[in-house]
């Protein structure tokens, strides 16, 4: 099972950015949160991002959005795994055919 990291980049905490860099280097999926787009460096604004307003009385909206995005990440990860498995099977079948022709 893969791990998805949820990181709140509000306030531009250097430790959070350092840890986010490590997570990206390891190829782990991420879900980024922020209260302000000014806290988001230009080079990561294209990634999965939820902007939220802390003043909102109903935190259920944020919980729902995080839940939906995590569900999408799980589905994407599953789709990637399925694609990789199909490719391995095709490669295995191709290798079997080559071996039969050689023998």
C-alpha atoms as a PDB file:
ATOM      1  CA  UNK A   1       0.000   0.000   0.000  1.00  0.00           C
ATOM      2  CA  UNK A   2       1.329   3.416  -0.962  1.00  0.00           C
ATOM      3  CA  UNK A   3       1.216   6.421   1.286  1.00  0.00           C
ATOM      4  CA  UNK A   4      -0.339   9.736   0.307  1.00  0.00           C
ATOM      5  CA  UNK A   5       1.052  12.780   2.069  1.00  0.00           C
ATOM      6  CA  UNK A   6      -1.233  15.705   2.898  1.00  0.00           C
ATOM      7  CA  UNK A   7       0.735  18.930   3.421  1.00  0.00           C
ATOM      8  CA  UNK A   8      -0.572  22.349   4.464  1.00  0.00           C
ATOM      9  CA  UNK A   9       1.697  24.954   2.890  1.00  0.00           C
ATOM     10  CA  UNK A  10       0.005  27.911   4.568  1.00  0.00           C
ATOM     11  CA  UNK A  11       2.636  30.239   6.012  1.00  0.00           C
ATOM     12  CA  UNK A  12       5.507  28.876   3.864  1.00  0.00           C
ATOM     13  CA  UNK A  13       7.100  26.866   6.671  1.00  0.00           C
ATOM     14  CA  UNK A  14      10.573  25.845   5.377  1.00  0.00           C
ATOM     15  CA  UNK A  15      10.402  22.455   7.113  1.00  0.00           C
ATOM     16  CA  UNK A  16       7.153  21.617   5.350  1.00  0.00           C
ATOM     17  CA  UNK A  17       8.686  22.488   1.972  1.00  0.00           C
ATOM     18  CA  UNK A  18      11.787  20.413   2.753  1.00  0.00           C
ATOM     19  CA  UNK A  19       9.672  17.409   3.700  1.00  0.00           C
ATOM     20  CA  UNK A  20       7.490  17.921   0.627  1.00  0.00           C
ATOM     21  CA  UNK A  21      10.637  17.818  -1.514  1.00  0.00           C
ATOM     22  CA  UNK A  22      11.640  14.507   0.068  1.00  0.00           C
ATOM     23  CA  UNK A  23       8.175  13.096  -0.568  1.00  0.00           C
ATOM     24  CA  UNK A  24       8.330  14.160  -4.220  1.00  0.00           C
ATOM     25  CA  UNK A  25      11.812  12.645  -4.592  1.00  0.00           C
ATOM     26  CA  UNK A  26      10.404   9.344  -3.297  1.00  0.00           C
ATOM     27  CA  UNK A  27       7.574   9.516  -5.829  1.00  0.00           C
ATOM     28  CA  UNK A  28       4.797   9.542  -3.240  1.00  0.00           C
ATOM     29  CA  UNK A  29       1.450  11.094  -4.161  1.00  0.00           C
ATOM     30  CA  UNK A  30       0.636  14.362  -2.416  1.00  0.00           C
ATOM     31  CA  UNK A  31      -2.372  16.490  -1.618  1.00  0.00           C
ATOM     32  CA  UNK A  32      -1.487  20.114  -0.950  1.00  0.00           C
ATOM     33  CA  UNK A  33      -3.537  22.482   1.189  1.00  0.00           C
ATOM     34  CA  UNK A  34      -3.242  26.243   1.516  1.00  0.00           C
ATOM     35  CA  UNK A  35      -5.223  29.185   2.788  1.00  0.00           C
ATOM     36  CA  UNK A  36      -3.591  31.569   0.301  1.00  0.00           C
ATOM     37  CA  UNK A  37      -2.263  31.124  -3.222  1.00  0.00           C
ATOM     38  CA  UNK A  38       0.528  33.537  -2.303  1.00  0.00           C
ATOM     39  CA  UNK A  39       1.958  30.746  -0.141  1.00  0.00           C
ATOM     40  CA  UNK A  40       2.229  28.481  -3.191  1.00  0.00           C
ATOM     41  CA  UNK A  41       5.470  28.675  -5.198  1.00  0.00           C
ATOM     42  CA  UNK A  42       4.816  28.897  -8.941  1.00  0.00           C
ATOM     43  CA  UNK A  43       6.470  25.565  -9.682  1.00  0.00           C
ATOM     44  CA  UNK A  44       4.059  23.481  -7.582  1.00  0.00           C
ATOM     45  CA  UNK A  45       0.801  25.308  -8.284  1.00  0.00           C
ATOM     46  CA  UNK A  46      -0.039  22.773 -10.981  1.00  0.00           C
ATOM     47  CA  UNK A  47      -0.186  19.925  -8.453  1.00  0.00           C
ATOM     48  CA  UNK A  48      -3.277  18.662  -6.674  1.00  0.00           C
ATOM     49  CA  UNK A  49      -4.245  21.565  -4.441  1.00  0.00           C
ATOM     50  CA  UNK A  50      -7.108  22.518  -2.148  1.00  0.00           C
ATOM     51  CA  UNK A  51      -7.440  26.155  -1.152  1.00  0.00           C
ATOM     52  CA  UNK A  52      -9.456  26.571   2.016  1.00  0.00           C
ATOM     53  CA  UNK A  53     -10.759  29.377   4.183  1.00  0.00           C
ATOM     54  CA  UNK A  54     -10.133  28.845   7.869  1.00  0.00           C
ATOM     55  CA  UNK A  55     -12.893  31.296   8.749  1.00  0.00           C
ATOM     56  CA  UNK A  56     -15.533  28.958   7.328  1.00  0.00           C
ATOM     57  CA  UNK A  57     -17.790  27.708  10.059  1.00  0.00           C
ATOM     58  CA  UNK A  58     -18.479  24.450   8.223  1.00  0.00           C
ATOM     59  CA  UNK A  59     -15.287  22.376   8.214  1.00  0.00           C
ATOM     60  CA  UNK A  60     -17.259  19.549   6.669  1.00  0.00           C
ATOM     61  CA  UNK A  61     -16.653  21.120   3.255  1.00  0.00           C
ATOM     62  CA  UNK A  62     -12.881  20.806   3.668  1.00  0.00           C
ATOM     63  CA  UNK A  63     -13.208  17.253   5.004  1.00  0.00           C
ATOM     64  CA  UNK A  64     -15.364  16.303   2.013  1.00  0.00           C
ATOM     65  CA  UNK A  65     -12.909  17.837  -0.486  1.00  0.00           C
ATOM     66  CA  UNK A  66      -9.945  16.081   1.137  1.00  0.00           C
ATOM     67  CA  UNK A  67     -11.863  12.788   1.143  1.00  0.00           C
ATOM     68  CA  UNK A  68     -12.787  13.166  -2.528  1.00  0.00           C
ATOM     69  CA  UNK A  69      -9.234  14.001  -3.564  1.00  0.00           C
ATOM     70  CA  UNK A  70      -7.769  11.132  -1.541  1.00  0.00           C
ATOM     71  CA  UNK A  71     -10.289   8.817  -3.207  1.00  0.00           C
ATOM     72  CA  UNK A  72      -9.161  10.092  -6.617  1.00  0.00           C
ATOM     73  CA  UNK A  73      -5.508   9.554  -5.688  1.00  0.00           C
ATOM     74  CA  UNK A  74      -6.251   5.965  -4.656  1.00  0.00           C
ATOM     75  CA  UNK A  75      -8.093   5.352  -7.930  1.00  0.00           C
ATOM     76  CA  UNK A  76      -5.261   6.874  -9.973  1.00  0.00           C
ATOM     77  CA  UNK A  77      -2.708   4.766  -8.113  1.00  0.00           C
ATOM     78  CA  UNK A  78      -4.830   1.667  -8.764  1.00  0.00           C
ATOM     79  CA  UNK A  79      -5.125   2.539 -12.472  1.00  0.00           C
ATOM     80  CA  UNK A  80      -1.346   2.989 -12.720  1.00  0.00           C
ATOM     81  CA  UNK A  81      -0.798  -0.367 -10.979  1.00  0.00           C
ATOM     82  CA  UNK A  82      -3.252  -2.057 -13.352  1.00  0.00           C
ATOM     83  CA  UNK A  83      -1.481  -0.552 -16.373  1.00  0.00           C
ATOM     84  CA  UNK A  84       1.899  -1.687 -15.079  1.00  0.00           C
ATOM     85  CA  UNK A  85       0.593  -5.201 -14.471  1.00  0.00           C
ATOM     86  CA  UNK A  86      -0.845  -5.395 -17.999  1.00  0.00           C
ATOM     87  CA  UNK A  87       2.502  -4.238 -19.432  1.00  0.00           C
ATOM     88  CA  UNK A  88       4.379  -6.874 -17.419  1.00  0.00           C
ATOM     89  CA  UNK A  89       2.017  -9.550 -18.737  1.00  0.00           C
ATOM     90  CA  UNK A  90       2.525  -8.335 -22.332  1.00  0.00           C
ATOM     91  CA  UNK A  91       6.291  -8.307 -21.843  1.00  0.00           C
ATOM     92  CA  UNK A  92       6.181 -11.800 -20.331  1.00  0.00           C
ATOM     93  CA  UNK A  93       4.091 -13.089 -23.258  1.00  0.00           C
ATOM     94  CA  UNK A  94       6.480 -11.477 -25.744  1.00  0.00           C
ATOM     95  CA  UNK A  95       9.481 -13.089 -24.035  1.00  0.00           C
ATOM     96  CA  UNK A  96       7.721 -16.486 -24.071  1.00  0.00           C
ATOM     97  CA  UNK A  97       7.095 -16.218 -27.833  1.00  0.00           C
ATOM     98  CA  UNK A  98      10.725 -15.280 -28.491  1.00  0.00           C
ATOM     99  CA  UNK A  99      11.967 -18.228 -26.399  1.00  0.00           C
ATOM    100  CA  UNK A 100       9.651 -20.644 -28.245  1.00  0.00           C
ATOM    101  CA  UNK A 101      11.012 -19.453 -31.581  1.00  0.00           C
ATOM    102  CA  UNK A 102      14.597 -19.839 -30.398  1.00  0.00           C
ATOM    103  CA  UNK A 103      14.129 -23.335 -29.004  1.00  0.00           C
END
